[in-house]
Amino acid sequence: MIPHALRTGPEPMLTRRLMLLSATAMLAVMGLPPLPAWAQTPEQATAFIEQTAKELVDVVNGPGTLAEKRAKLQVIVDRAVDVNEVARFCLGRFWRTASPQQQKEYLDLFHRVLMINITGKVGEYQGVSFVMGRTSPREGAMAVSTTVNRPGNAPSKVDWLISTQSGSLRIVDVIAEGTSLRLTQRSDYTSYLGRNNNSVQALIDALKQQASQPG
């Protein structure tokens, strides 16, 4: 259901099931205090995702036009997701070979394409709900397990990877049915770059084309 929000590459991407997960991942908790990375607890990570689920339901199932809901999602994504960190991770070793101008342009395009992917299917998320599972340490962060339900679709197991590396609770990965979205995206980018002489500019140009498409 949502994950492909984190998938922004030029490859053909995202099934409808993964698109739902991507929008879910982007919804934020309001008012939690900033914490150093070492201070995050399972209880805090769980509360973050519980509030995230509430925010999702409020936006998707609440009143308002599609444009209004998209605008709310934009604000929430900026607050809830460590987009720049996800973008750098997805580019992998090529981040170090990009020029400062290319890095800046890539981060901007990654964010824009991410938002297109998240908001493009908002109308199909009606009726989404969450069942909370266990929270446990993973990869220097906290993984909060949930089951995502949507009418007419099979339940999907989704783990949200929460980090405080940036100074506050942020989503840094979505793991849907055991598949890491950021690892999948990085693999897509590496494959694309390998077919284009490892040119970061070629990837930027492809993202520009994606960003020019209507959301």
N, C-alpha and C. Protein backbone atom coordinates (compact mmCIF):
# COMPACT_ATOMS: atom_id res chain seq x y z
N MET A 1 0.85 -1.18 0.00
CA MET A 1 0.00 0.00 0.00
C MET A 1 0.87 1.22 0.00
N ILE A 2 1.60 1.87 0.70
CA ILE A 2 2.14 3.19 0.43
C ILE A 2 3.57 3.34 -0.02
N PRO A 3 4.45 2.58 0.29
CA PRO A 3 5.86 2.83 0.22
C PRO A 3 6.39 3.61 -0.93
N HIS A 4 5.89 3.47 -2.10
CA HIS A 4 6.58 4.06 -3.22
C HIS A 4 6.67 5.56 -3.14
N ALA A 5 6.22 6.17 -2.13
CA ALA A 5 6.45 7.60 -1.97
C ALA A 5 7.92 7.87 -1.91
N LEU A 6 8.66 6.96 -1.38
CA LEU A 6 10.08 7.18 -1.29
C LEU A 6 10.78 6.83 -2.60
N ARG A 7 10.08 6.23 -3.53
CA ARG A 7 10.68 5.87 -4.80
C ARG A 7 10.42 6.98 -5.80
N THR A 8 11.50 7.64 -6.21
CA THR A 8 11.33 8.82 -7.04
C THR A 8 12.14 8.75 -8.33
N GLY A 9 12.68 7.60 -8.64
CA GLY A 9 13.61 7.51 -9.75
C GLY A 9 12.94 7.46 -11.11
N PRO A 10 13.75 7.48 -12.17
CA PRO A 10 13.25 7.48 -13.53
C PRO A 10 12.74 6.13 -13.99
N GLU A 11 12.96 5.06 -13.20
CA GLU A 11 12.47 3.75 -13.57
C GLU A 11 10.95 3.72 -13.47
N PRO A 12 10.28 2.81 -14.22
CA PRO A 12 8.86 2.59 -13.97
C PRO A 12 8.73 2.17 -12.53
N MET A 13 7.77 2.77 -11.78
CA MET A 13 7.78 2.52 -10.36
C MET A 13 6.42 2.30 -9.79
N LEU A 14 6.42 1.86 -8.61
CA LEU A 14 5.33 1.73 -7.68
C LEU A 14 4.08 1.05 -8.16
N THR A 15 3.76 0.02 -7.46
CA THR A 15 2.44 -0.55 -7.62
C THR A 15 1.47 0.30 -6.82
N ARG A 16 0.17 0.15 -7.06
CA ARG A 16 -0.81 0.93 -6.31
C ARG A 16 -0.74 0.59 -4.83
N ARG A 17 -0.41 -0.67 -4.51
CA ARG A 17 -0.30 -1.06 -3.11
C ARG A 17 0.81 -0.27 -2.43
N LEU A 18 1.96 -0.13 -3.08
CA LEU A 18 3.07 0.60 -2.49
C LEU A 18 2.79 2.10 -2.45
N MET A 19 2.05 2.62 -3.42
CA MET A 19 1.75 4.04 -3.41
C MET A 19 0.98 4.43 -2.15
N LEU A 20 0.07 3.58 -1.70
CA LEU A 20 -0.66 3.91 -0.48
C LEU A 20 0.29 4.05 0.69
N LEU A 21 1.25 3.16 0.79
CA LEU A 21 2.17 3.21 1.91
C LEU A 21 3.00 4.49 1.88
N SER A 22 3.32 4.99 0.69
CA SER A 22 4.15 6.18 0.64
C SER A 22 3.43 7.35 1.27
N ALA A 23 2.16 7.53 0.99
CA ALA A 23 1.43 8.64 1.59
C ALA A 23 1.30 8.46 3.09
N THR A 24 1.09 7.23 3.52
CA THR A 24 0.97 6.98 4.95
C THR A 24 2.24 7.37 5.68
N ALA A 25 3.37 7.05 5.07
CA ALA A 25 4.63 7.28 5.75
C ALA A 25 4.89 8.73 6.02
N MET A 26 4.25 9.60 5.28
CA MET A 26 4.62 11.00 5.33
C MET A 26 3.88 11.82 6.39
N LEU A 27 3.05 11.24 7.18
CA LEU A 27 2.21 12.04 8.06
C LEU A 27 2.82 12.21 9.43
N ALA A 28 2.71 13.40 9.99
CA ALA A 28 3.58 13.78 11.10
C ALA A 28 2.92 13.81 12.44
N VAL A 29 3.76 13.68 13.44
CA VAL A 29 3.33 13.91 14.81
C VAL A 29 3.52 15.37 15.14
N MET A 30 2.56 15.95 15.82
CA MET A 30 2.65 17.36 16.18
C MET A 30 3.17 17.49 17.62
N GLY A 31 4.12 18.39 17.84
CA GLY A 31 4.46 18.82 19.18
C GLY A 31 5.39 17.94 19.97
N LEU A 32 6.01 16.89 19.40
CA LEU A 32 6.97 16.12 20.15
C LEU A 32 8.29 16.88 20.22
N PRO A 33 8.94 16.92 21.38
CA PRO A 33 10.16 17.70 21.53
C PRO A 33 11.33 17.07 20.81
N PRO A 34 12.28 17.88 20.32
CA PRO A 34 13.48 17.34 19.69
C PRO A 34 14.25 16.48 20.68
N LEU A 35 14.89 15.40 20.15
CA LEU A 35 15.66 14.50 20.99
C LEU A 35 16.97 14.17 20.30
N PRO A 36 18.05 14.02 21.07
CA PRO A 36 19.28 13.51 20.47
C PRO A 36 19.07 12.06 20.03
N ALA A 37 19.88 11.59 19.07
CA ALA A 37 19.65 10.28 18.49
C ALA A 37 19.66 9.17 19.54
N TRP A 38 20.52 9.29 20.55
CA TRP A 38 20.63 8.22 21.53
C TRP A 38 19.45 8.18 22.50
N ALA A 39 18.61 9.23 22.53
CA ALA A 39 17.58 9.33 23.56
C ALA A 39 16.24 8.75 23.14
N GLN A 40 16.10 8.37 21.89
CA GLN A 40 14.81 7.85 21.43
C GLN A 40 14.47 6.55 22.15
N THR A 41 13.23 6.43 22.58
CA THR A 41 12.77 5.21 23.25
C THR A 41 11.69 4.55 22.40
N PRO A 42 11.43 3.26 22.64
CA PRO A 42 10.33 2.61 21.91
C PRO A 42 9.00 3.31 22.12
N GLU A 43 8.77 3.80 23.35
CA GLU A 43 7.51 4.48 23.64
C GLU A 43 7.36 5.75 22.81
N GLN A 44 8.44 6.51 22.65
CA GLN A 44 8.37 7.74 21.87
C GLN A 44 8.15 7.45 20.39
N ALA A 45 8.85 6.43 19.88
CA ALA A 45 8.67 6.06 18.48
C ALA A 45 7.25 5.56 18.22
N THR A 46 6.72 4.77 19.16
CA THR A 46 5.35 4.28 19.01
C THR A 46 4.35 5.43 19.01
N ALA A 47 4.54 6.38 19.93
CA ALA A 47 3.65 7.53 20.00
C ALA A 47 3.70 8.34 18.71
N PHE A 48 4.88 8.45 18.14
CA PHE A 48 5.06 9.16 16.88
C PHE A 48 4.19 8.55 15.78
N ILE A 49 4.27 7.22 15.64
CA ILE A 49 3.52 6.57 14.58
C ILE A 49 2.02 6.55 14.89
N GLU A 50 1.66 6.41 16.15
CA GLU A 50 0.24 6.46 16.51
C GLU A 50 -0.36 7.81 16.11
N GLN A 51 0.36 8.88 16.38
CA GLN A 51 -0.12 10.20 16.01
C GLN A 51 -0.10 10.38 14.49
N THR A 52 0.93 9.80 13.87
CA THR A 52 1.01 9.82 12.41
C THR A 52 -0.23 9.19 11.79
N ALA A 53 -0.63 8.05 12.32
CA ALA A 53 -1.82 7.36 11.81
C ALA A 53 -3.06 8.23 11.97
N LYS A 54 -3.17 8.88 13.11
CA LYS A 54 -4.32 9.77 13.33
C LYS A 54 -4.32 10.92 12.34
N GLU A 55 -3.16 11.52 12.10
CA GLU A 55 -3.06 12.61 11.14
C GLU A 55 -3.45 12.14 9.74
N LEU A 56 -3.02 10.93 9.37
CA LEU A 56 -3.36 10.39 8.06
C LEU A 56 -4.87 10.26 7.90
N VAL A 57 -5.50 9.64 8.88
CA VAL A 57 -6.94 9.44 8.81
C VAL A 57 -7.67 10.78 8.74
N ASP A 58 -7.21 11.75 9.53
CA ASP A 58 -7.85 13.06 9.54
C ASP A 58 -7.78 13.73 8.17
N VAL A 59 -6.62 13.61 7.50
CA VAL A 59 -6.45 14.26 6.20
C VAL A 59 -7.22 13.52 5.11
N VAL A 60 -7.02 12.21 5.05
CA VAL A 60 -7.58 11.43 3.94
C VAL A 60 -9.09 11.31 4.05
N ASN A 61 -9.58 11.07 5.25
CA ASN A 61 -11.01 10.84 5.42
C ASN A 61 -11.78 12.10 5.79
N GLY A 62 -11.08 13.19 6.02
CA GLY A 62 -11.74 14.42 6.42
C GLY A 62 -12.26 15.23 5.25
N PRO A 63 -12.86 16.38 5.56
CA PRO A 63 -13.41 17.24 4.51
C PRO A 63 -12.30 17.97 3.76
N GLY A 64 -12.66 18.57 2.64
CA GLY A 64 -11.71 19.37 1.89
C GLY A 64 -11.55 18.87 0.47
N THR A 65 -11.12 19.76 -0.39
CA THR A 65 -10.87 19.40 -1.78
C THR A 65 -9.56 18.64 -1.89
N LEU A 66 -9.35 18.01 -3.04
CA LEU A 66 -8.10 17.30 -3.27
C LEU A 66 -6.91 18.24 -3.15
N ALA A 67 -7.05 19.44 -3.67
CA ALA A 67 -5.96 20.42 -3.58
C ALA A 67 -5.66 20.78 -2.14
N GLU A 68 -6.68 20.92 -1.32
CA GLU A 68 -6.49 21.24 0.09
C GLU A 68 -5.79 20.10 0.82
N LYS A 69 -6.15 18.87 0.50
CA LYS A 69 -5.51 17.73 1.13
C LYS A 69 -4.05 17.63 0.72
N ARG A 70 -3.78 17.90 -0.54
CA ARG A 70 -2.39 17.87 -1.00
C ARG A 70 -1.55 18.92 -0.28
N ALA A 71 -2.12 20.09 -0.07
CA ALA A 71 -1.39 21.14 0.63
C ALA A 71 -1.08 20.73 2.06
N LYS A 72 -2.02 20.06 2.72
CA LYS A 72 -1.78 19.59 4.08
C LYS A 72 -0.68 18.53 4.10
N LEU A 73 -0.69 17.66 3.11
CA LEU A 73 0.34 16.63 3.04
C LEU A 73 1.73 17.25 2.86
N GLN A 74 1.82 18.31 2.07
CA GLN A 74 3.10 18.98 1.85
C GLN A 74 3.69 19.44 3.17
N VAL A 75 2.87 20.08 3.99
CA VAL A 75 3.34 20.58 5.28
C VAL A 75 3.77 19.43 6.17
N ILE A 76 2.99 18.37 6.17
CA ILE A 76 3.27 17.22 7.03
C ILE A 76 4.56 16.52 6.62
N VAL A 77 4.75 16.33 5.33
CA VAL A 77 5.97 15.68 4.85
C VAL A 77 7.20 16.47 5.28
N ASP A 78 7.16 17.78 5.12
CA ASP A 78 8.30 18.61 5.48
C ASP A 78 8.65 18.47 6.96
N ARG A 79 7.65 18.21 7.78
CA ARG A 79 7.90 18.10 9.22
C ARG A 79 8.26 16.69 9.64
N ALA A 80 7.66 15.68 9.01
CA ALA A 80 7.74 14.31 9.53
C ALA A 80 8.87 13.48 8.95
N VAL A 81 9.31 13.80 7.74
CA VAL A 81 10.24 12.93 7.03
C VAL A 81 11.58 13.65 6.87
N ASP A 82 12.65 12.91 7.10
CA ASP A 82 13.99 13.47 6.87
C ASP A 82 14.32 13.30 5.39
N VAL A 83 13.68 14.15 4.57
CA VAL A 83 13.75 13.98 3.12
C VAL A 83 15.17 14.09 2.61
N ASN A 84 15.93 15.05 3.10
CA ASN A 84 17.30 15.23 2.62
C ASN A 84 18.17 14.02 2.93
N GLU A 85 18.00 13.46 4.11
CA GLU A 85 18.78 12.27 4.47
C GLU A 85 18.39 11.09 3.59
N VAL A 86 17.09 10.91 3.36
CA VAL A 86 16.64 9.83 2.47
C VAL A 86 17.21 10.04 1.07
N ALA A 87 17.18 11.27 0.58
CA ALA A 87 17.69 11.56 -0.76
C ALA A 87 19.18 11.25 -0.87
N ARG A 88 19.96 11.67 0.13
CA ARG A 88 21.40 11.38 0.10
C ARG A 88 21.66 9.89 0.14
N PHE A 89 20.90 9.17 0.97
CA PHE A 89 21.06 7.72 1.06
C PHE A 89 20.77 7.08 -0.30
N CYS A 90 19.71 7.52 -0.95
CA CYS A 90 19.33 6.92 -2.22
C CYS A 90 20.37 7.15 -3.31
N LEU A 91 21.06 8.27 -3.26
CA LEU A 91 22.09 8.54 -4.27
C LEU A 91 23.38 7.77 -3.96
N GLY A 92 23.56 7.36 -2.72
CA GLY A 92 24.70 6.53 -2.35
C GLY A 92 26.04 7.21 -2.62
N ARG A 93 26.99 6.44 -3.15
CA ARG A 93 28.34 6.95 -3.36
C ARG A 93 28.39 8.09 -4.36
N PHE A 94 27.34 8.21 -5.19
CA PHE A 94 27.34 9.26 -6.20
C PHE A 94 27.12 10.64 -5.59
N TRP A 95 26.63 10.69 -4.35
CA TRP A 95 26.49 11.98 -3.68
C TRP A 95 27.85 12.68 -3.58
N ARG A 96 28.89 11.91 -3.32
CA ARG A 96 30.22 12.51 -3.14
C ARG A 96 30.82 12.97 -4.47
N THR A 97 30.38 12.40 -5.57
CA THR A 97 30.92 12.80 -6.87
C THR A 97 30.14 13.96 -7.49
N ALA A 98 28.98 14.26 -6.96
CA ALA A 98 28.18 15.37 -7.49
C ALA A 98 28.77 16.70 -7.05
N SER A 99 28.65 17.71 -7.90
CA SER A 99 29.09 19.05 -7.53
C SER A 99 28.11 19.65 -6.52
N PRO A 100 28.53 20.68 -5.78
CA PRO A 100 27.60 21.32 -4.85
C PRO A 100 26.30 21.77 -5.53
N GLN A 101 26.39 22.30 -6.75
CA GLN A 101 25.19 22.73 -7.45
C GLN A 101 24.31 21.52 -7.80
N GLN A 102 24.93 20.43 -8.23
CA GLN A 102 24.16 19.23 -8.54
C GLN A 102 23.50 18.66 -7.29
N GLN A 103 24.22 18.68 -6.16
CA GLN A 103 23.63 18.21 -4.91
C GLN A 103 22.39 19.01 -4.55
N LYS A 104 22.50 20.33 -4.67
CA LYS A 104 21.37 21.20 -4.35
C LYS A 104 20.19 20.93 -5.27
N GLU A 105 20.47 20.83 -6.56
CA GLU A 105 19.40 20.61 -7.53
C GLU A 105 18.76 19.23 -7.33
N TYR A 106 19.59 18.24 -7.05
CA TYR A 106 19.08 16.88 -6.82
C TYR A 106 18.16 16.84 -5.61
N LEU A 107 18.55 17.47 -4.50
CA LEU A 107 17.71 17.47 -3.30
C LEU A 107 16.36 18.12 -3.58
N ASP A 108 16.38 19.22 -4.31
CA ASP A 108 15.12 19.91 -4.64
C ASP A 108 14.23 19.03 -5.51
N LEU A 109 14.81 18.40 -6.51
CA LEU A 109 14.03 17.56 -7.42
C LEU A 109 13.52 16.31 -6.70
N PHE A 110 14.34 15.72 -5.85
CA PHE A 110 13.91 14.55 -5.09
C PHE A 110 12.67 14.88 -4.28
N HIS A 111 12.69 16.03 -3.62
CA HIS A 111 11.55 16.43 -2.81
C HIS A 111 10.32 16.65 -3.67
N ARG A 112 10.49 17.32 -4.82
CA ARG A 112 9.34 17.60 -5.68
C ARG A 112 8.73 16.32 -6.24
N VAL A 113 9.57 15.39 -6.69
CA VAL A 113 9.06 14.13 -7.24
C VAL A 113 8.43 13.28 -6.14
N LEU A 114 9.03 13.32 -4.96
CA LEU A 114 8.45 12.62 -3.82
C LEU A 114 7.02 13.09 -3.57
N MET A 115 6.81 14.40 -3.58
CA MET A 115 5.48 14.94 -3.33
C MET A 115 4.50 14.55 -4.43
N ILE A 116 4.96 14.51 -5.67
CA ILE A 116 4.09 14.07 -6.77
C ILE A 116 3.64 12.64 -6.53
N ASN A 117 4.58 11.79 -6.11
CA ASN A 117 4.24 10.39 -5.86
C ASN A 117 3.28 10.23 -4.68
N ILE A 118 3.48 11.04 -3.64
CA ILE A 118 2.63 10.93 -2.46
C ILE A 118 1.22 11.40 -2.75
N THR A 119 1.11 12.54 -3.40
CA THR A 119 -0.20 13.17 -3.56
C THR A 119 -0.97 12.67 -4.78
N GLY A 120 -0.29 11.97 -5.67
CA GLY A 120 -0.92 11.58 -6.92
C GLY A 120 -2.10 10.63 -6.77
N LYS A 121 -2.16 9.89 -5.65
CA LYS A 121 -3.21 8.90 -5.45
C LYS A 121 -4.02 9.17 -4.19
N VAL A 122 -4.03 10.40 -3.72
CA VAL A 122 -4.71 10.72 -2.47
C VAL A 122 -6.16 10.25 -2.48
N GLY A 123 -6.82 10.41 -3.62
CA GLY A 123 -8.23 10.04 -3.69
C GLY A 123 -8.50 8.57 -3.51
N GLU A 124 -7.47 7.73 -3.63
CA GLU A 124 -7.65 6.29 -3.51
C GLU A 124 -7.39 5.77 -2.10
N TYR A 125 -7.02 6.65 -1.18
CA TYR A 125 -6.64 6.20 0.16
C TYR A 125 -7.81 6.19 1.14
N GLN A 126 -9.00 6.54 0.67
CA GLN A 126 -10.16 6.64 1.55
C GLN A 126 -10.36 5.35 2.34
N GLY A 127 -10.55 5.50 3.65
CA GLY A 127 -10.84 4.37 4.51
C GLY A 127 -9.63 3.69 5.11
N VAL A 128 -8.42 4.24 4.91
CA VAL A 128 -7.22 3.63 5.46
C VAL A 128 -7.27 3.60 6.99
N SER A 129 -6.72 2.53 7.57
CA SER A 129 -6.63 2.43 9.03
C SER A 129 -5.37 1.65 9.40
N PHE A 130 -4.98 1.76 10.67
CA PHE A 130 -3.74 1.15 11.14
C PHE A 130 -3.98 0.31 12.38
N VAL A 131 -3.24 -0.77 12.50
CA VAL A 131 -3.18 -1.54 13.74
C VAL A 131 -1.73 -1.54 14.19
N MET A 132 -1.48 -1.06 15.41
CA MET A 132 -0.12 -0.95 15.91
C MET A 132 0.42 -2.31 16.30
N GLY A 133 1.73 -2.49 16.07
CA GLY A 133 2.42 -3.70 16.48
C GLY A 133 3.57 -3.38 17.42
N ARG A 134 4.61 -4.18 17.36
CA ARG A 134 5.75 -4.01 18.25
C ARG A 134 6.69 -2.92 17.76
N THR A 135 7.47 -2.35 18.69
CA THR A 135 8.52 -1.40 18.36
C THR A 135 9.83 -1.93 18.92
N SER A 136 10.87 -1.92 18.09
CA SER A 136 12.16 -2.47 18.52
C SER A 136 13.30 -1.73 17.84
N PRO A 137 14.50 -1.73 18.46
CA PRO A 137 15.66 -1.10 17.83
C PRO A 137 16.04 -1.80 16.53
N ARG A 138 16.46 -1.01 15.55
CA ARG A 138 16.92 -1.58 14.28
C ARG A 138 17.79 -0.57 13.57
N GLU A 139 18.99 -0.97 13.21
CA GLU A 139 19.89 -0.14 12.39
C GLU A 139 20.13 1.23 13.01
N GLY A 140 20.29 1.28 14.32
CA GLY A 140 20.54 2.55 14.99
C GLY A 140 19.34 3.44 15.11
N ALA A 141 18.16 2.90 14.81
CA ALA A 141 16.92 3.67 14.89
C ALA A 141 15.87 2.80 15.59
N MET A 142 14.61 3.19 15.50
CA MET A 142 13.51 2.40 16.03
C MET A 142 12.58 2.01 14.88
N ALA A 143 12.23 0.73 14.84
CA ALA A 143 11.30 0.24 13.84
C ALA A 143 9.95 0.00 14.49
N VAL A 144 8.95 0.71 14.02
CA VAL A 144 7.59 0.57 14.55
C VAL A 144 6.78 -0.25 13.55
N SER A 145 6.31 -1.40 14.00
CA SER A 145 5.55 -2.30 13.12
C SER A 145 4.07 -1.94 13.15
N THR A 146 3.45 -1.96 11.99
CA THR A 146 2.01 -1.72 11.88
C THR A 146 1.43 -2.65 10.83
N THR A 147 0.12 -2.79 10.89
CA THR A 147 -0.63 -3.40 9.79
C THR A 147 -1.51 -2.32 9.19
N VAL A 148 -1.37 -2.11 7.89
CA VAL A 148 -2.13 -1.07 7.19
C VAL A 148 -3.30 -1.74 6.47
N ASN A 149 -4.49 -1.26 6.75
CA ASN A 149 -5.70 -1.80 6.13
C ASN A 149 -6.36 -0.75 5.25
N ARG A 150 -6.81 -1.18 4.09
CA ARG A 150 -7.58 -0.32 3.21
C ARG A 150 -8.70 -1.14 2.60
N PRO A 151 -9.91 -0.61 2.55
CA PRO A 151 -11.04 -1.38 2.00
C PRO A 151 -10.73 -1.92 0.62
N GLY A 152 -11.02 -3.21 0.43
CA GLY A 152 -10.82 -3.82 -0.87
C GLY A 152 -9.42 -4.32 -1.13
N ASN A 153 -8.52 -4.17 -0.13
CA ASN A 153 -7.14 -4.61 -0.29
C ASN A 153 -6.74 -5.51 0.87
N ALA A 154 -5.81 -6.43 0.62
CA ALA A 154 -5.31 -7.28 1.69
C ALA A 154 -4.52 -6.44 2.69
N PRO A 155 -4.56 -6.79 3.98
CA PRO A 155 -3.73 -6.07 4.96
C PRO A 155 -2.26 -6.14 4.57
N SER A 156 -1.53 -5.10 4.87
CA SER A 156 -0.11 -5.03 4.52
C SER A 156 0.71 -4.75 5.77
N LYS A 157 1.77 -5.53 5.98
CA LYS A 157 2.67 -5.31 7.12
C LYS A 157 3.68 -4.24 6.75
N VAL A 158 3.71 -3.18 7.53
CA VAL A 158 4.59 -2.05 7.24
C VAL A 158 5.35 -1.67 8.50
N ASP A 159 6.67 -1.59 8.39
CA ASP A 159 7.51 -1.10 9.47
C ASP A 159 8.00 0.30 9.12
N TRP A 160 7.89 1.20 10.08
CA TRP A 160 8.35 2.58 9.90
C TRP A 160 9.66 2.75 10.65
N LEU A 161 10.73 3.12 9.97
CA LEU A 161 12.03 3.32 10.61
C LEU A 161 12.14 4.77 11.04
N ILE A 162 12.25 4.98 12.35
CA ILE A 162 12.24 6.32 12.93
C ILE A 162 13.61 6.63 13.50
N SER A 163 14.17 7.78 13.13
CA SER A 163 15.49 8.21 13.61
C SER A 163 15.39 9.61 14.21
N THR A 164 16.30 9.92 15.12
CA THR A 164 16.41 11.28 15.65
C THR A 164 17.76 11.89 15.28
N GLN A 165 18.39 11.37 14.24
CA GLN A 165 19.70 11.85 13.83
C GLN A 165 19.68 13.34 13.51
N SER A 166 18.58 13.82 12.97
CA SER A 166 18.48 15.24 12.60
C SER A 166 18.14 16.13 13.80
N GLY A 167 17.89 15.53 14.97
CA GLY A 167 17.55 16.31 16.15
C GLY A 167 16.10 16.20 16.56
N SER A 168 15.28 15.56 15.76
CA SER A 168 13.88 15.35 16.10
C SER A 168 13.43 14.04 15.47
N LEU A 169 12.31 13.53 15.92
CA LEU A 169 11.79 12.28 15.37
C LEU A 169 11.46 12.46 13.89
N ARG A 170 12.04 11.60 13.05
CA ARG A 170 11.78 11.68 11.61
C ARG A 170 11.72 10.28 11.02
N ILE A 171 10.87 10.11 10.02
CA ILE A 171 10.82 8.87 9.24
C ILE A 171 11.98 8.87 8.25
N VAL A 172 12.75 7.77 8.25
CA VAL A 172 13.87 7.66 7.31
C VAL A 172 13.74 6.46 6.37
N ASP A 173 12.77 5.59 6.63
CA ASP A 173 12.55 4.47 5.72
C ASP A 173 11.18 3.86 5.99
N VAL A 174 10.63 3.23 4.97
CA VAL A 174 9.39 2.47 5.08
C VAL A 174 9.71 1.07 4.57
N ILE A 175 9.42 0.07 5.38
CA ILE A 175 9.72 -1.32 5.02
C ILE A 175 8.40 -2.05 4.87
N ALA A 176 8.01 -2.30 3.65
CA ALA A 176 6.71 -2.90 3.34
C ALA A 176 6.89 -4.36 2.98
N GLU A 177 6.25 -5.24 3.76
CA GLU A 177 6.35 -6.68 3.52
C GLU A 177 7.81 -7.10 3.39
N GLY A 178 8.68 -6.51 4.24
CA GLY A 178 10.08 -6.89 4.27
C GLY A 178 10.98 -6.18 3.28
N THR A 179 10.43 -5.32 2.45
CA THR A 179 11.21 -4.62 1.43
C THR A 179 11.45 -3.17 1.83
N SER A 180 12.72 -2.79 1.94
CA SER A 180 13.09 -1.41 2.29
C SER A 180 12.94 -0.52 1.08
N LEU A 181 12.18 0.56 1.28
CA LEU A 181 11.96 1.48 0.17
C LEU A 181 13.21 2.25 -0.22
N ARG A 182 13.99 2.68 0.77
CA ARG A 182 15.17 3.46 0.42
C ARG A 182 16.24 2.59 -0.23
N LEU A 183 16.36 1.32 0.20
CA LEU A 183 17.30 0.43 -0.46
C LEU A 183 16.87 0.13 -1.89
N THR A 184 15.58 -0.05 -2.08
CA THR A 184 15.07 -0.29 -3.43
C THR A 184 15.30 0.91 -4.33
N GLN A 185 15.07 2.10 -3.78
CA GLN A 185 15.29 3.31 -4.58
C GLN A 185 16.76 3.49 -4.93
N ARG A 186 17.63 3.23 -3.95
CA ARG A 186 19.06 3.36 -4.23
C ARG A 186 19.49 2.37 -5.31
N SER A 187 18.95 1.16 -5.27
CA SER A 187 19.26 0.18 -6.30
C SER A 187 18.80 0.66 -7.68
N ASP A 188 17.60 1.27 -7.73
CA ASP A 188 17.09 1.82 -8.99
C ASP A 188 18.02 2.92 -9.52
N TYR A 189 18.43 3.81 -8.63
CA TYR A 189 19.31 4.91 -9.05
C TYR A 189 20.66 4.37 -9.54
N THR A 190 21.23 3.42 -8.78
CA THR A 190 22.53 2.87 -9.16
C THR A 190 22.44 2.20 -10.54
N SER A 191 21.34 1.48 -10.77
CA SER A 191 21.15 0.83 -12.06
C SER A 191 21.03 1.86 -13.18
N TYR A 192 20.24 2.91 -12.94
CA TYR A 192 20.06 3.95 -13.95
C TYR A 192 21.39 4.65 -14.25
N LEU A 193 22.13 5.00 -13.21
CA LEU A 193 23.41 5.68 -13.39
C LEU A 193 24.39 4.79 -14.14
N GLY A 194 24.37 3.49 -13.83
CA GLY A 194 25.26 2.57 -14.51
C GLY A 194 25.01 2.50 -16.01
N ARG A 195 23.76 2.72 -16.41
CA ARG A 195 23.42 2.70 -17.84
C ARG A 195 23.67 4.06 -18.50
N ASN A 196 24.04 5.05 -17.68
CA ASN A 196 24.25 6.41 -18.20
C ASN A 196 25.59 6.97 -17.78
N ASN A 197 26.62 6.14 -17.89
CA ASN A 197 28.01 6.55 -17.66
C ASN A 197 28.23 7.14 -16.26
N ASN A 198 27.44 6.68 -15.29
CA ASN A 198 27.56 7.17 -13.91
C ASN A 198 27.42 8.69 -13.83
N SER A 199 26.60 9.24 -14.71
CA SER A 199 26.43 10.69 -14.77
C SER A 199 25.30 11.13 -13.84
N VAL A 200 25.66 11.86 -12.79
CA VAL A 200 24.64 12.40 -11.89
C VAL A 200 23.74 13.37 -12.63
N GLN A 201 24.29 14.08 -13.61
CA GLN A 201 23.49 15.03 -14.37
C GLN A 201 22.40 14.30 -15.15
N ALA A 202 22.70 13.10 -15.65
CA ALA A 202 21.69 12.33 -16.36
C ALA A 202 20.52 11.99 -15.44
N LEU A 203 20.82 11.64 -14.20
CA LEU A 203 19.77 11.36 -13.23
C LEU A 203 18.97 12.62 -12.93
N ILE A 204 19.66 13.73 -12.76
CA ILE A 204 18.99 15.01 -12.51
C ILE A 204 18.05 15.35 -13.67
N ASP A 205 18.51 15.16 -14.88
CA ASP A 205 17.67 15.45 -16.04
C ASP A 205 16.42 14.56 -16.06
N ALA A 206 16.58 13.29 -15.68
CA ALA A 206 15.43 12.38 -15.63
C ALA A 206 14.45 12.82 -14.55
N LEU A 207 14.97 13.25 -13.40
CA LEU A 207 14.10 13.73 -12.33
C LEU A 207 13.38 15.01 -12.73
N LYS A 208 14.04 15.87 -13.49
CA LYS A 208 13.39 17.07 -14.00
C LYS A 208 12.18 16.71 -14.85
N GLN A 209 12.34 15.69 -15.68
CA GLN A 209 11.23 15.26 -16.53
C GLN A 209 10.07 14.75 -15.67
N GLN A 210 10.40 13.99 -14.63
CA GLN A 210 9.36 13.51 -13.73
C GLN A 210 8.69 14.65 -13.01
N ALA A 211 9.46 15.63 -12.55
CA ALA A 211 8.92 16.75 -11.80
C ALA A 211 8.03 17.62 -12.65
N SER A 212 8.18 17.56 -13.95
CA SER A 212 7.38 18.39 -14.84
C SER A 212 6.01 17.77 -15.11
N GLN A 213 5.83 16.51 -14.70
CA GLN A 213 4.55 15.85 -14.93
C GLN A 213 3.52 16.33 -13.90
N PRO A 214 2.25 16.39 -14.28
CA PRO A 214 1.23 16.81 -13.33
C PRO A 214 1.11 15.81 -12.19
N GLY A 215 0.88 16.32 -10.96
CA GLY A 215 0.79 15.45 -9.80
C GLY A 215 -0.54 14.78 -9.69
